[in-house]
Amino acid sequence: MVSIADVARDAGVSSSTVSYVLSGKRSISSETQRRVEASIHRLGYHPHAGARALASSRTSVLALIMPLRTDIDVPVLMGFVNSVVTTARNYDYDVLLLTNDEGPAGLRRVADSAMADALLLMDVEDEDSRVPVLQSLSCPGVLIGLPNDPGDLSCVDLDFSAAAKRCVRHLADLGHEQVALIGPSPVVYERGTSFAGRFLRGFTSAARERGLHATSQACLPSYEGVRDCLDRILTEQPRLTGLVVHNEAVLDPLLSELHSRDMRIPEDISVVAVTPDEMAANRSVPLTTVSLPSEDIGRIAVEMTMRELQGVRSPEVRLLSPRLTPARSTAQRH
């Protein structure tokens, strides 16, 4: 196992100089720093995490508080997690994954025990009780999501209101006058989950703007849930020709159910979905989608966090513009 003394010997400097290069606590000439960094890379030296934390008062760990419930689409969730972890490693940081079961108390526990240098929160609600707690902590916090009042916290997310409007306008431009939204599970709305409410409001606003007959239904992530949801929609709108799907977990059962009802895509009904790009291509019909940019959102969240750890306090709200990619699941209404 390579030690700090091995690095010092290889670079021709003292062990304390190597420590100063690693901690940044003392000014070192650029030539010496390059020599030490080259030796670290050449020898494959990895500082001891505990010793590094004691020396720098930093853990080099970010805590990601994420949802883990039965109504969560795990592949979509892991897209965000993978992006956060990958970006954090570019800064020599590791990620501690925590569920949000403990609520505000969990944030205090992580901060008080100094398990992580900063916290990133997912599954943000409109009136999220964790937000004021996060604002009161001494360590930085960033939200992946947008509450009604983020205060001085930085936030990043897809602009879900604009995404919904983009979906509706796409269908309207194709001549569809009867459209419906298949939304997330009812409990997602009941919790006041921010992204779901913003999307629903954007859908309703755009449909009204274009003079469309529109309805929306929450949908349980199961075959029975999809059947019940479609029954409710078609009872209200028997002449339905356009569907907006904001529930990745029901895409496969929905396409199967439409097929079993002899509702051809796109001849009888056009479908546009909000989903990661990689989940849209492998379907029986390639889907027109608004991309869920989990990779970009995770990366930006970590970049915001690292700026705060470097002492740059400049809170911002970044809502990423939606990108719609037409495919074979939507067509002109004749």
C-alpha atoms as a PDB file:
ATOM      1  CA  MET A   1       0.000   0.000   0.000  1.00  0.00           C
ATOM      2  CA  VAL A   2       1.465   3.342  -1.084  1.00  0.00           C
ATOM      3  CA  SER A   3       2.077   5.782   1.792  1.00  0.00           C
ATOM      4  CA  ILE A   4       2.552   9.522   1.930  1.00  0.00           C
ATOM      5  CA  ALA A   5       6.245   8.889   2.590  1.00  0.00           C
ATOM      6  CA  ASP A   6       6.502   6.950  -0.700  1.00  0.00           C
ATOM      7  CA  VAL A   7       4.992   9.917  -2.553  1.00  0.00           C
ATOM      8  CA  ALA A   8       7.390  12.341  -0.818  1.00  0.00           C
ATOM      9  CA  ARG A   9      10.408  10.193  -1.706  1.00  0.00           C
ATOM     10  CA  ASP A  10       9.306   9.880  -5.338  1.00  0.00           C
ATOM     11  CA  ALA A  11       8.690  13.625  -5.673  1.00  0.00           C
ATOM     12  CA  GLY A  12      11.874  14.575  -3.800  1.00  0.00           C
ATOM     13  CA  VAL A  13      10.044  16.565  -1.108  1.00  0.00           C
ATOM     14  CA  SER A  14       9.145  16.150   2.579  1.00  0.00           C
ATOM     15  CA  SER A  15       6.030  14.336   3.762  1.00  0.00           C
ATOM     16  CA  SER A  16       4.697  17.611   5.167  1.00  0.00           C
ATOM     17  CA  THR A  17       4.925  19.185   1.703  1.00  0.00           C
ATOM     18  CA  VAL A  18       2.801  16.365   0.285  1.00  0.00           C
ATOM     19  CA  SER A  19       0.276  16.974   3.092  1.00  0.00           C
ATOM     20  CA  TYR A  20       0.137  20.677   2.261  1.00  0.00           C
ATOM     21  CA  VAL A  21      -0.474  19.901  -1.406  1.00  0.00           C
ATOM     22  CA  LEU A  22      -3.328  17.560  -0.459  1.00  0.00           C
ATOM     23  CA  SER A  23      -4.942  19.875   2.094  1.00  0.00           C
ATOM     24  CA  GLY A  24      -4.279  23.216   0.388  1.00  0.00           C
ATOM     25  CA  LYS A  25      -3.534  24.682   3.815  1.00  0.00           C
ATOM     26  CA  ARG A  26      -0.235  26.260   2.820  1.00  0.00           C
ATOM     27  CA  SER A  27       0.963  27.901  -0.374  1.00  0.00           C
ATOM     28  CA  ILE A  28       3.173  25.606  -2.455  1.00  0.00           C
ATOM     29  CA  SER A  29       5.011  26.579  -5.627  1.00  0.00           C
ATOM     30  CA  SER A  30       3.274  25.456  -8.810  1.00  0.00           C
ATOM     31  CA  GLU A  31       6.330  23.431  -9.870  1.00  0.00           C
ATOM     32  CA  THR A  32       6.421  21.516  -6.563  1.00  0.00           C
ATOM     33  CA  GLN A  33       2.670  20.967  -6.662  1.00  0.00           C
ATOM     34  CA  ARG A  34       2.878  19.540 -10.193  1.00  0.00           C
ATOM     35  CA  ARG A  35       5.714  17.232  -9.119  1.00  0.00           C
ATOM     36  CA  VAL A  36       3.777  15.956  -6.113  1.00  0.00           C
ATOM     37  CA  GLU A  37       0.585  15.480  -8.125  1.00  0.00           C
ATOM     38  CA  ALA A  38       2.500  13.564 -10.777  1.00  0.00           C
ATOM     39  CA  SER A  39       3.939  11.240  -8.102  1.00  0.00           C
ATOM     40  CA  ILE A  40       0.497  10.716  -6.576  1.00  0.00           C
ATOM     41  CA  HIS A  41      -0.879   9.772  -9.986  1.00  0.00           C
ATOM     42  CA  ARG A  42       2.100   7.598 -10.925  1.00  0.00           C
ATOM     43  CA  LEU A  43       2.127   5.655  -7.640  1.00  0.00           C
ATOM     44  CA  GLY A  44      -1.668   5.419  -7.336  1.00  0.00           C
ATOM     45  CA  TYR A  45      -1.718   6.997  -3.886  1.00  0.00           C
ATOM     46  CA  HIS A  46      -5.106   7.446  -2.159  1.00  0.00           C
ATOM     47  CA  PRO A  47      -5.188   9.531   1.020  1.00  0.00           C
ATOM     48  CA  HIS A  48      -6.710   7.841   4.075  1.00  0.00           C
ATOM     49  CA  ALA A  49     -10.257   9.174   4.299  1.00  0.00           C
ATOM     50  CA  GLY A  50     -10.263   9.487   8.097  1.00  0.00           C
ATOM     51  CA  ALA A  51      -6.905  11.225   8.223  1.00  0.00           C
ATOM     52  CA  ARG A  52      -7.857  13.547   5.407  1.00  0.00           C
ATOM     53  CA  ALA A  53     -11.080  14.491   7.211  1.00  0.00           C
ATOM     54  CA  LEU A  54      -9.176  15.283  10.412  1.00  0.00           C
ATOM     55  CA  ALA A  55      -6.619  17.372   8.558  1.00  0.00           C
ATOM     56  CA  SER A  56      -9.074  19.380   6.498  1.00  0.00           C
ATOM     57  CA  SER A  57     -12.269  19.347   8.607  1.00  0.00           C
ATOM     58  CA  ARG A  58     -13.920  17.937   5.475  1.00  0.00           C
ATOM     59  CA  THR A  59     -15.288  14.455   4.844  1.00  0.00           C
ATOM     60  CA  SER A  60     -15.192  14.623   1.026  1.00  0.00           C
ATOM     61  CA  VAL A  61     -18.688  13.130   1.138  1.00  0.00           C
ATOM     62  CA  LEU A  62     -21.990  14.502  -0.195  1.00  0.00           C
ATOM     63  CA  ALA A  63     -25.268  13.201   1.246  1.00  0.00           C
ATOM     64  CA  LEU A  64     -28.017  12.577  -1.310  1.00  0.00           C
ATOM     65  CA  ILE A  65     -31.442  12.245   0.317  1.00  0.00           C
ATOM     66  CA  MET A  66     -33.652  10.368  -2.124  1.00  0.00           C
ATOM     67  CA  PRO A  67     -37.133   8.824  -2.144  1.00  0.00           C
ATOM     68  CA  LEU A  68     -37.561   5.064  -1.954  1.00  0.00           C
ATOM     69  CA  ARG A  69     -41.234   4.118  -2.014  1.00  0.00           C
ATOM     70  CA  THR A  70     -43.483   1.727  -3.907  1.00  0.00           C
ATOM     71  CA  ASP A  71     -44.691   4.528  -6.207  1.00  0.00           C
ATOM     72  CA  ILE A  72     -41.157   5.447  -7.310  1.00  0.00           C
ATOM     73  CA  ASP A  73     -39.872   4.402 -10.728  1.00  0.00           C
ATOM     74  CA  VAL A  74     -36.487   3.047  -9.660  1.00  0.00           C
ATOM     75  CA  PRO A  75     -34.755   3.132 -13.101  1.00  0.00           C
ATOM     76  CA  VAL A  76     -35.649   6.845 -13.417  1.00  0.00           C
ATOM     77  CA  LEU A  77     -34.484   7.530  -9.848  1.00  0.00           C
ATOM     78  CA  MET A  78     -31.180   5.780 -10.486  1.00  0.00           C
ATOM     79  CA  GLY A  79     -30.545   8.025 -13.485  1.00  0.00           C
ATOM     80  CA  PHE A  80     -30.368  10.990 -11.093  1.00  0.00           C
ATOM     81  CA  VAL A  81     -28.312   9.041  -8.551  1.00  0.00           C
ATOM     82  CA  ASN A  82     -25.814   7.881 -11.163  1.00  0.00           C
ATOM     83  CA  SER A  83     -25.318  11.447 -12.403  1.00  0.00           C
ATOM     84  CA  VAL A  84     -24.749  12.802  -8.879  1.00  0.00           C
ATOM     85  CA  VAL A  85     -22.281  10.025  -8.011  1.00  0.00           C
ATOM     86  CA  THR A  86     -20.356  10.325 -11.288  1.00  0.00           C
ATOM     87  CA  THR A  87     -20.063  14.107 -11.084  1.00  0.00           C
ATOM     88  CA  ALA A  88     -19.059  13.991  -7.413  1.00  0.00           C
ATOM     89  CA  ARG A  89     -16.185  11.629  -8.252  1.00  0.00           C
ATOM     90  CA  ASN A  90     -14.834  14.257 -10.655  1.00  0.00           C
ATOM     91  CA  TYR A  91     -14.334  16.413  -7.556  1.00  0.00           C
ATOM     92  CA  ASP A  92     -12.860  13.486  -5.528  1.00  0.00           C
ATOM     93  CA  TYR A  93     -16.080  13.280  -3.526  1.00  0.00           C
ATOM     94  CA  ASP A  94     -18.078  10.199  -2.598  1.00  0.00           C
ATOM     95  CA  VAL A  95     -21.857  10.114  -2.133  1.00  0.00           C
ATOM     96  CA  LEU A  96     -23.753   8.841   0.884  1.00  0.00           C
ATOM     97  CA  LEU A  97     -27.232   7.667  -0.170  1.00  0.00           C
ATOM     98  CA  LEU A  98     -30.001   8.184   2.368  1.00  0.00           C
ATOM     99  CA  THR A  99     -33.768   7.759   2.131  1.00  0.00           C
ATOM    100  CA  ASN A 100     -36.024  10.614   3.165  1.00  0.00           C
ATOM    101  CA  ASP A 101     -37.995   8.538   5.701  1.00  0.00           C
ATOM    102  CA  GLU A 102     -36.659  10.570   8.639  1.00  0.00           C
ATOM    103  CA  GLY A 103     -37.732  13.908   7.174  1.00  0.00           C
ATOM    104  CA  PRO A 104     -36.269  17.049   8.832  1.00  0.00           C
ATOM    105  CA  ALA A 105     -34.841  15.034  11.741  1.00  0.00           C
ATOM    106  CA  GLY A 106     -32.696  13.058   9.300  1.00  0.00           C
ATOM    107  CA  LEU A 107     -31.133  16.238   7.923  1.00  0.00           C
ATOM    108  CA  ARG A 108     -30.196  17.378  11.440  1.00  0.00           C
ATOM    109  CA  ARG A 109     -28.739  13.954  12.237  1.00  0.00           C
ATOM    110  CA  VAL A 110     -26.487  13.986   9.161  1.00  0.00           C
ATOM    111  CA  ALA A 111     -25.361  17.575   9.774  1.00  0.00           C
ATOM    112  CA  ASP A 112     -24.795  17.172  13.554  1.00  0.00           C
ATOM    113  CA  SER A 113     -22.781  13.974  13.108  1.00  0.00           C
ATOM    114  CA  ALA A 114     -20.621  15.574  10.365  1.00  0.00           C
ATOM    115  CA  MET A 115     -21.167  12.586   8.086  1.00  0.00           C
ATOM    116  CA  ALA A 116     -21.139  14.772   4.981  1.00  0.00           C
ATOM    117  CA  ASP A 117     -19.958  18.200   3.872  1.00  0.00           C
ATOM    118  CA  ALA A 118     -23.224  19.072   2.087  1.00  0.00           C
ATOM    119  CA  LEU A 119     -26.728  17.747   1.473  1.00  0.00           C
ATOM    120  CA  LEU A 120     -28.677  17.332  -1.779  1.00  0.00           C
ATOM    121  CA  LEU A 121     -32.428  16.788  -1.488  1.00  0.00           C
ATOM    122  CA  MET A 122     -34.671  15.039  -4.016  1.00  0.00           C
ATOM    123  CA  ASP A 123     -38.459  14.532  -4.085  1.00  0.00           C
ATOM    124  CA  VAL A 124     -39.139  18.140  -3.118  1.00  0.00           C
ATOM    125  CA  GLU A 125     -42.679  19.110  -2.124  1.00  0.00           C
ATOM    126  CA  ASP A 126     -44.425  22.481  -2.613  1.00  0.00           C
ATOM    127  CA  GLU A 127     -44.468  23.087   1.141  1.00  0.00           C
ATOM    128  CA  ASP A 128     -41.496  20.955   2.132  1.00  0.00           C
ATOM    129  CA  SER A 129     -40.847  20.812   5.878  1.00  0.00           C
ATOM    130  CA  ARG A 130     -37.196  19.986   5.193  1.00  0.00           C
ATOM    131  CA  VAL A 131     -36.498  23.326   3.487  1.00  0.00           C
ATOM    132  CA  PRO A 132     -36.422  25.571   6.602  1.00  0.00           C
ATOM    133  CA  VAL A 133     -34.295  22.963   8.388  1.00  0.00           C
ATOM    134  CA  LEU A 134     -31.836  22.840   5.493  1.00  0.00           C
ATOM    135  CA  GLN A 135     -31.642  26.642   5.540  1.00  0.00           C
ATOM    136  CA  SER A 136     -30.768  26.581   9.254  1.00  0.00           C
ATOM    137  CA  LEU A 137     -27.862  24.126   8.960  1.00  0.00           C
ATOM    138  CA  SER A 138     -24.244  25.224   8.793  1.00  0.00           C
ATOM    139  CA  CYS A 139     -23.442  22.932   5.848  1.00  0.00           C
ATOM    140  CA  PRO A 140     -24.533  23.760   2.281  1.00  0.00           C
ATOM    141  CA  GLY A 141     -27.722  22.309   0.828  1.00  0.00           C
ATOM    142  CA  VAL A 142     -29.064  22.101  -2.740  1.00  0.00           C
ATOM    143  CA  LEU A 143     -32.519  21.050  -3.920  1.00  0.00           C
ATOM    144  CA  ILE A 144     -33.235  18.812  -6.899  1.00  0.00           C
ATOM    145  CA  GLY A 145     -36.736  20.181  -7.284  1.00  0.00           C
ATOM    146  CA  LEU A 146     -38.509  23.474  -6.657  1.00  0.00           C
ATOM    147  CA  PRO A 147     -40.597  24.260  -3.549  1.00  0.00           C
ATOM    148  CA  ASN A 148     -42.959  27.212  -3.413  1.00  0.00           C
ATOM    149  CA  ASP A 149     -40.389  29.185  -1.431  1.00  0.00           C
ATOM    150  CA  PRO A 150     -36.771  28.006  -1.800  1.00  0.00           C
ATOM    151  CA  GLY A 151     -35.501  31.036   0.118  1.00  0.00           C
ATOM    152  CA  ASP A 152     -31.725  31.240  -0.167  1.00  0.00           C
ATOM    153  CA  LEU A 153     -31.284  27.648  -1.364  1.00  0.00           C
ATOM    154  CA  SER A 154     -30.123  26.779  -4.873  1.00  0.00           C
ATOM    155  CA  CYS A 155     -32.488  24.573  -6.880  1.00  0.00           C
ATOM    156  CA  VAL A 156     -32.303  22.742 -10.192  1.00  0.00           C
ATOM    157  CA  ASP A 157     -35.005  20.850 -12.069  1.00  0.00           C
ATOM    158  CA  LEU A 158     -36.719  20.429 -15.418  1.00  0.00           C
ATOM    159  CA  ASP A 159     -39.210  23.212 -16.088  1.00  0.00           C
ATOM    160  CA  PHE A 160     -42.163  20.842 -15.719  1.00  0.00           C
ATOM    161  CA  SER A 161     -44.774  23.523 -16.409  1.00  0.00           C
ATOM    162  CA  ALA A 162     -43.080  24.368 -19.712  1.00  0.00           C
ATOM    163  CA  ALA A 163     -42.685  20.635 -20.458  1.00  0.00           C
ATOM    164  CA  ALA A 164     -46.427  20.071 -20.102  1.00  0.00           C
ATOM    165  CA  LYS A 165     -47.198  23.059 -22.298  1.00  0.00           C
ATOM    166  CA  ARG A 166     -44.802  21.752 -24.938  1.00  0.00           C
ATOM    167  CA  CYS A 167     -46.598  18.385 -24.988  1.00  0.00           C
ATOM    168  CA  VAL A 168     -50.051  19.964 -25.298  1.00  0.00           C
ATOM    169  CA  ARG A 169     -48.977  22.387 -28.013  1.00  0.00           C
ATOM    170  CA  HIS A 170     -47.409  19.541 -29.988  1.00  0.00           C
ATOM    171  CA  LEU A 171     -50.698  17.642 -29.978  1.00  0.00           C
ATOM    172  CA  ALA A 172     -52.694  20.809 -30.732  1.00  0.00           C
ATOM    173  CA  ASP A 173     -50.422  21.643 -33.666  1.00  0.00           C
ATOM    174  CA  LEU A 174     -51.194  18.174 -35.052  1.00  0.00           C
ATOM    175  CA  GLY A 175     -54.922  18.928 -34.937  1.00  0.00           C
ATOM    176  CA  HIS A 176     -55.888  17.061 -31.758  1.00  0.00           C
ATOM    177  CA  GLU A 177     -58.776  18.661 -29.902  1.00  0.00           C
ATOM    178  CA  GLN A 178     -59.515  15.969 -27.279  1.00  0.00           C
ATOM    179  CA  VAL A 179     -56.515  15.301 -25.042  1.00  0.00           C
ATOM    180  CA  ALA A 180     -55.888  13.795 -21.615  1.00  0.00           C
ATOM    181  CA  LEU A 181     -53.079  13.647 -19.071  1.00  0.00           C
ATOM    182  CA  ILE A 182     -52.132  10.380 -17.392  1.00  0.00           C
ATOM    183  CA  GLY A 183     -50.341  11.610 -14.287  1.00  0.00           C
ATOM    184  CA  PRO A 184     -48.417  10.030 -11.425  1.00  0.00           C
ATOM    185  CA  SER A 185     -49.942   7.955  -8.631  1.00  0.00           C
ATOM    186  CA  PRO A 186     -52.604   9.746  -6.520  1.00  0.00           C
ATOM    187  CA  VAL A 187     -50.323   9.861  -3.462  1.00  0.00           C
ATOM    188  CA  VAL A 188     -47.785  11.910  -5.450  1.00  0.00           C
ATOM    189  CA  TYR A 189     -50.395  14.647  -5.825  1.00  0.00           C
ATOM    190  CA  GLU A 190     -51.602  14.221  -2.239  1.00  0.00           C
ATOM    191  CA  ARG A 191     -48.080  14.827  -0.933  1.00  0.00           C
ATOM    192  CA  GLY A 192     -47.903  18.054  -2.902  1.00  0.00           C
ATOM    193  CA  THR A 193     -44.884  16.835  -4.858  1.00  0.00           C
ATOM    194  CA  SER A 194     -43.584  19.867  -6.708  1.00  0.00           C
ATOM    195  CA  PHE A 195     -42.915  18.418 -10.168  1.00  0.00           C
ATOM    196  CA  ALA A 196     -46.347  16.777 -10.407  1.00  0.00           C
ATOM    197  CA  GLY A 197     -48.246  19.940  -9.503  1.00  0.00           C
ATOM    198  CA  ARG A 198     -46.207  22.100 -11.856  1.00  0.00           C
ATOM    199  CA  PHE A 199     -46.788  19.697 -14.746  1.00  0.00           C
ATOM    200  CA  LEU A 200     -50.544  19.486 -14.084  1.00  0.00           C
ATOM    201  CA  ARG A 201     -50.869  23.273 -13.948  1.00  0.00           C
ATOM    202  CA  GLY A 202     -48.899  23.632 -17.193  1.00  0.00           C
ATOM    203  CA  PHE A 203     -51.083  21.008 -18.915  1.00  0.00           C
ATOM    204  CA  THR A 204     -54.320  22.670 -17.801  1.00  0.00           C
ATOM    205  CA  SER A 205     -53.094  26.138 -18.752  1.00  0.00           C
ATOM    206  CA  ALA A 206     -51.916  25.119 -22.247  1.00  0.00           C
ATOM    207  CA  ALA A 207     -55.126  23.165 -22.990  1.00  0.00           C
ATOM    208  CA  ARG A 208     -57.220  26.169 -22.003  1.00  0.00           C
ATOM    209  CA  GLU A 209     -54.983  28.443 -24.066  1.00  0.00           C
ATOM    210  CA  ARG A 210     -55.504  26.304 -27.200  1.00  0.00           C
ATOM    211  CA  GLY A 211     -59.210  25.705 -26.604  1.00  0.00           C
ATOM    212  CA  LEU A 212     -58.857  21.936 -26.190  1.00  0.00           C
ATOM    213  CA  HIS A 213     -61.194  19.591 -24.363  1.00  0.00           C
ATOM    214  CA  ALA A 214     -58.859  18.173 -21.731  1.00  0.00           C
ATOM    215  CA  THR A 215     -58.982  15.986 -18.652  1.00  0.00           C
ATOM    216  CA  SER A 216     -56.373  14.582 -16.280  1.00  0.00           C
ATOM    217  CA  GLN A 217     -56.250  11.446 -14.171  1.00  0.00           C
ATOM    218  CA  ALA A 218     -53.794  10.160 -11.601  1.00  0.00           C
ATOM    219  CA  CYS A 219     -52.719   6.592 -12.364  1.00  0.00           C
ATOM    220  CA  LEU A 220     -51.524   3.806 -10.094  1.00  0.00           C
ATOM    221  CA  PRO A 221     -48.383   2.058 -11.454  1.00  0.00           C
ATOM    222  CA  SER A 222     -50.013  -1.298 -12.267  1.00  0.00           C
ATOM    223  CA  TYR A 223     -51.963  -2.952 -15.077  1.00  0.00           C
ATOM    224  CA  GLU A 224     -55.173  -2.616 -13.047  1.00  0.00           C
ATOM    225  CA  GLY A 225     -54.370   1.037 -12.376  1.00  0.00           C
ATOM    226  CA  VAL A 226     -53.846   1.704 -16.086  1.00  0.00           C
ATOM    227  CA  ARG A 227     -57.102  -0.034 -17.041  1.00  0.00           C
ATOM    228  CA  ASP A 228     -59.070   1.946 -14.455  1.00  0.00           C
ATOM    229  CA  CYS A 229     -57.405   5.196 -15.496  1.00  0.00           C
ATOM    230  CA  LEU A 230     -58.187   4.658 -19.193  1.00  0.00           C
ATOM    231  CA  ASP A 231     -61.776   3.692 -18.342  1.00  0.00           C
ATOM    232  CA  ARG A 232     -62.249   6.966 -16.460  1.00  0.00           C
ATOM    233  CA  ILE A 233     -60.699   9.027 -19.259  1.00  0.00           C
ATOM    234  CA  LEU A 234     -62.662   7.368 -22.075  1.00  0.00           C
ATOM    235  CA  THR A 235     -65.914   7.642 -20.134  1.00  0.00           C
ATOM    236  CA  GLU A 236     -65.364  11.376 -19.923  1.00  0.00           C
ATOM    237  CA  GLN A 237     -63.833  11.711 -23.418  1.00  0.00           C
ATOM    238  CA  PRO A 238     -65.019   8.929 -25.761  1.00  0.00           C
ATOM    239  CA  ARG A 239     -63.564  10.851 -28.730  1.00  0.00           C
ATOM    240  CA  LEU A 240     -60.085  11.135 -27.194  1.00  0.00           C
ATOM    241  CA  THR A 241     -57.245  11.293 -29.738  1.00  0.00           C
ATOM    242  CA  GLY A 242     -54.240  12.558 -27.753  1.00  0.00           C
ATOM    243  CA  LEU A 243     -52.535  11.335 -24.566  1.00  0.00           C
ATOM    244  CA  VAL A 244     -49.828  13.029 -22.505  1.00  0.00           C
ATOM    245  CA  VAL A 245     -48.139  10.565 -20.142  1.00  0.00           C
ATOM    246  CA  HIS A 246     -46.327  11.896 -17.087  1.00  0.00           C
ATOM    247  CA  ASN A 247     -45.782   8.562 -15.364  1.00  0.00           C
ATOM    248  CA  GLU A 248     -42.835   6.528 -16.653  1.00  0.00           C
ATOM    249  CA  ALA A 249     -43.819   3.442 -14.645  1.00  0.00           C
ATOM    250  CA  VAL A 250     -47.067   2.935 -16.601  1.00  0.00           C
ATOM    251  CA  LEU A 251     -45.713   3.257 -20.152  1.00  0.00           C
ATOM    252  CA  ASP A 252     -45.429  -0.476 -20.850  1.00  0.00           C
ATOM    253  CA  PRO A 253     -48.833  -1.450 -19.406  1.00  0.00           C
ATOM    254  CA  LEU A 254     -50.414   1.574 -21.119  1.00  0.00           C
ATOM    255  CA  LEU A 255     -49.117   0.618 -24.570  1.00  0.00           C
ATOM    256  CA  SER A 256     -50.250  -2.960 -23.956  1.00  0.00           C
ATOM    257  CA  GLU A 257     -53.715  -1.836 -22.823  1.00  0.00           C
ATOM    258  CA  LEU A 258     -54.174   0.473 -25.814  1.00  0.00           C
ATOM    259  CA  HIS A 259     -53.265  -2.434 -28.094  1.00  0.00           C
ATOM    260  CA  SER A 260     -55.771  -4.738 -26.367  1.00  0.00           C
ATOM    261  CA  ARG A 261     -58.498  -2.123 -26.936  1.00  0.00           C
ATOM    262  CA  ASP A 262     -57.598  -1.889 -30.648  1.00  0.00           C
ATOM    263  CA  MET A 263     -56.531   1.729 -30.233  1.00  0.00           C
ATOM    264  CA  ARG A 264     -53.725   1.992 -32.769  1.00  0.00           C
ATOM    265  CA  ILE A 265     -50.783   4.348 -32.211  1.00  0.00           C
ATOM    266  CA  PRO A 266     -50.722   6.860 -33.847  1.00  0.00           C
ATOM    267  CA  GLU A 267     -53.625   6.121 -36.245  1.00  0.00           C
ATOM    268  CA  ASP A 268     -56.295   6.209 -33.516  1.00  0.00           C
ATOM    269  CA  ILE A 269     -54.477   7.901 -30.679  1.00  0.00           C
ATOM    270  CA  SER A 270     -51.262   9.925 -30.399  1.00  0.00           C
ATOM    271  CA  VAL A 271     -49.061   9.499 -27.323  1.00  0.00           C
ATOM    272  CA  VAL A 272     -46.387  11.858 -26.010  1.00  0.00           C
ATOM    273  CA  ALA A 273     -44.496  10.992 -22.819  1.00  0.00           C
ATOM    274  CA  VAL A 274     -42.107  12.619 -20.380  1.00  0.00           C
ATOM    275  CA  THR A 275     -39.297  10.113 -19.922  1.00  0.00           C
ATOM    276  CA  PRO A 276     -35.516   9.712 -20.142  1.00  0.00           C
ATOM    277  CA  ASP A 277     -34.410   9.289 -23.753  1.00  0.00           C
ATOM    278  CA  GLU A 278     -33.040   5.787 -23.193  1.00  0.00           C
ATOM    279  CA  MET A 279     -36.436   4.600 -21.910  1.00  0.00           C
ATOM    280  CA  ALA A 280     -38.336   5.882 -24.952  1.00  0.00           C
ATOM    281  CA  ALA A 281     -36.562   4.037 -27.767  1.00  0.00           C
ATOM    282  CA  ASN A 282     -37.095   0.445 -26.606  1.00  0.00           C
ATOM    283  CA  ARG A 283     -40.862   0.388 -27.070  1.00  0.00           C
ATOM    284  CA  SER A 284     -43.186  -1.345 -29.521  1.00  0.00           C
ATOM    285  CA  VAL A 285     -43.720   2.126 -31.011  1.00  0.00           C
ATOM    286  CA  PRO A 286     -40.910   4.696 -30.718  1.00  0.00           C
ATOM    287  CA  LEU A 287     -42.351   7.419 -28.487  1.00  0.00           C
ATOM    288  CA  THR A 288     -42.534  11.147 -29.010  1.00  0.00           C
ATOM    289  CA  THR A 289     -41.009  12.438 -25.794  1.00  0.00           C
ATOM    290  CA  VAL A 290     -40.055  15.376 -23.699  1.00  0.00           C
ATOM    291  CA  SER A 291     -36.748  14.243 -22.286  1.00  0.00           C
ATOM    292  CA  LEU A 292     -36.262  14.005 -18.527  1.00  0.00           C
ATOM    293  CA  PRO A 293     -32.653  15.301 -18.324  1.00  0.00           C
ATOM    294  CA  SER A 294     -31.591  13.424 -15.190  1.00  0.00           C
ATOM    295  CA  GLU A 295     -27.912  13.481 -16.178  1.00  0.00           C
ATOM    296  CA  ASP A 296     -27.873  17.278 -16.567  1.00  0.00           C
ATOM    297  CA  ILE A 297     -29.894  17.873 -13.402  1.00  0.00           C
ATOM    298  CA  GLY A 298     -27.633  15.672 -11.269  1.00  0.00           C
ATOM    299  CA  ARG A 299     -24.489  17.261 -12.685  1.00  0.00           C
ATOM    300  CA  ILE A 300     -25.715  20.823 -12.131  1.00  0.00           C
ATOM    301  CA  ALA A 301     -26.816  19.994  -8.568  1.00  0.00           C
ATOM    302  CA  VAL A 302     -23.307  18.785  -7.707  1.00  0.00           C
ATOM    303  CA  GLU A 303     -21.693  21.790  -9.405  1.00  0.00           C
ATOM    304  CA  MET A 304     -23.909  24.126  -7.352  1.00  0.00           C
ATOM    305  CA  THR A 305     -22.911  22.244  -4.197  1.00  0.00           C
ATOM    306  CA  MET A 306     -19.191  22.395  -4.935  1.00  0.00           C
ATOM    307  CA  ARG A 307     -19.366  26.159  -5.544  1.00  0.00           C
ATOM    308  CA  GLU A 308     -20.940  26.592  -2.124  1.00  0.00           C
ATOM    309  CA  LEU A 309     -18.280  24.398  -0.529  1.00  0.00           C
ATOM    310  CA  GLN A 310     -15.687  26.664  -2.128  1.00  0.00           C
ATOM    311  CA  GLY A 311     -17.303  29.639  -0.392  1.00  0.00           C
ATOM    312  CA  VAL A 312     -19.250  31.049  -3.349  1.00  0.00           C
ATOM    313  CA  ARG A 313     -22.730  31.854  -1.990  1.00  0.00           C
ATOM    314  CA  SER A 314     -24.878  32.786  -4.961  1.00  0.00           C
ATOM    315  CA  PRO A 315     -28.263  31.015  -4.676  1.00  0.00           C
ATOM    316  CA  GLU A 316     -30.020  30.387  -7.978  1.00  0.00           C
ATOM    317  CA  VAL A 317     -33.043  28.588  -9.371  1.00  0.00           C
ATOM    318  CA  ARG A 318     -32.309  26.786 -12.637  1.00  0.00           C
ATOM    319  CA  LEU A 319     -35.211  25.276 -14.530  1.00  0.00           C
ATOM    320  CA  LEU A 320     -34.018  23.466 -17.645  1.00  0.00           C
ATOM    321  CA  SER A 321     -35.958  24.126 -20.843  1.00  0.00           C
ATOM    322  CA  PRO A 322     -37.862  21.095 -22.160  1.00  0.00           C
ATOM    323  CA  ARG A 323     -36.755  19.366 -25.349  1.00  0.00           C
ATOM    324  CA  LEU A 324     -39.434  17.531 -27.368  1.00  0.00           C
ATOM    325  CA  THR A 325     -38.329  14.838 -29.813  1.00  0.00           C
ATOM    326  CA  PRO A 326     -41.024  13.759 -32.296  1.00  0.00           C
ATOM    327  CA  ALA A 327     -41.265  10.067 -33.134  1.00  0.00           C
ATOM    328  CA  ARG A 328     -43.798   7.589 -34.503  1.00  0.00           C
ATOM    329  CA  SER A 329     -46.244   7.761 -31.595  1.00  0.00           C
ATOM    330  CA  THR A 330     -47.759  11.102 -32.655  1.00  0.00           C
ATOM    331  CA  ALA A 331     -49.292  12.047 -36.015  1.00  0.00           C
ATOM    332  CA  GLN A 332     -51.510  14.583 -37.731  1.00  0.00           C
ATOM    333  CA  ARG A 333     -55.186  14.248 -36.849  1.00  0.00           C
ATOM    334  CA  HIS A 334     -57.330  13.859 -40.007  1.00  0.00           C
END
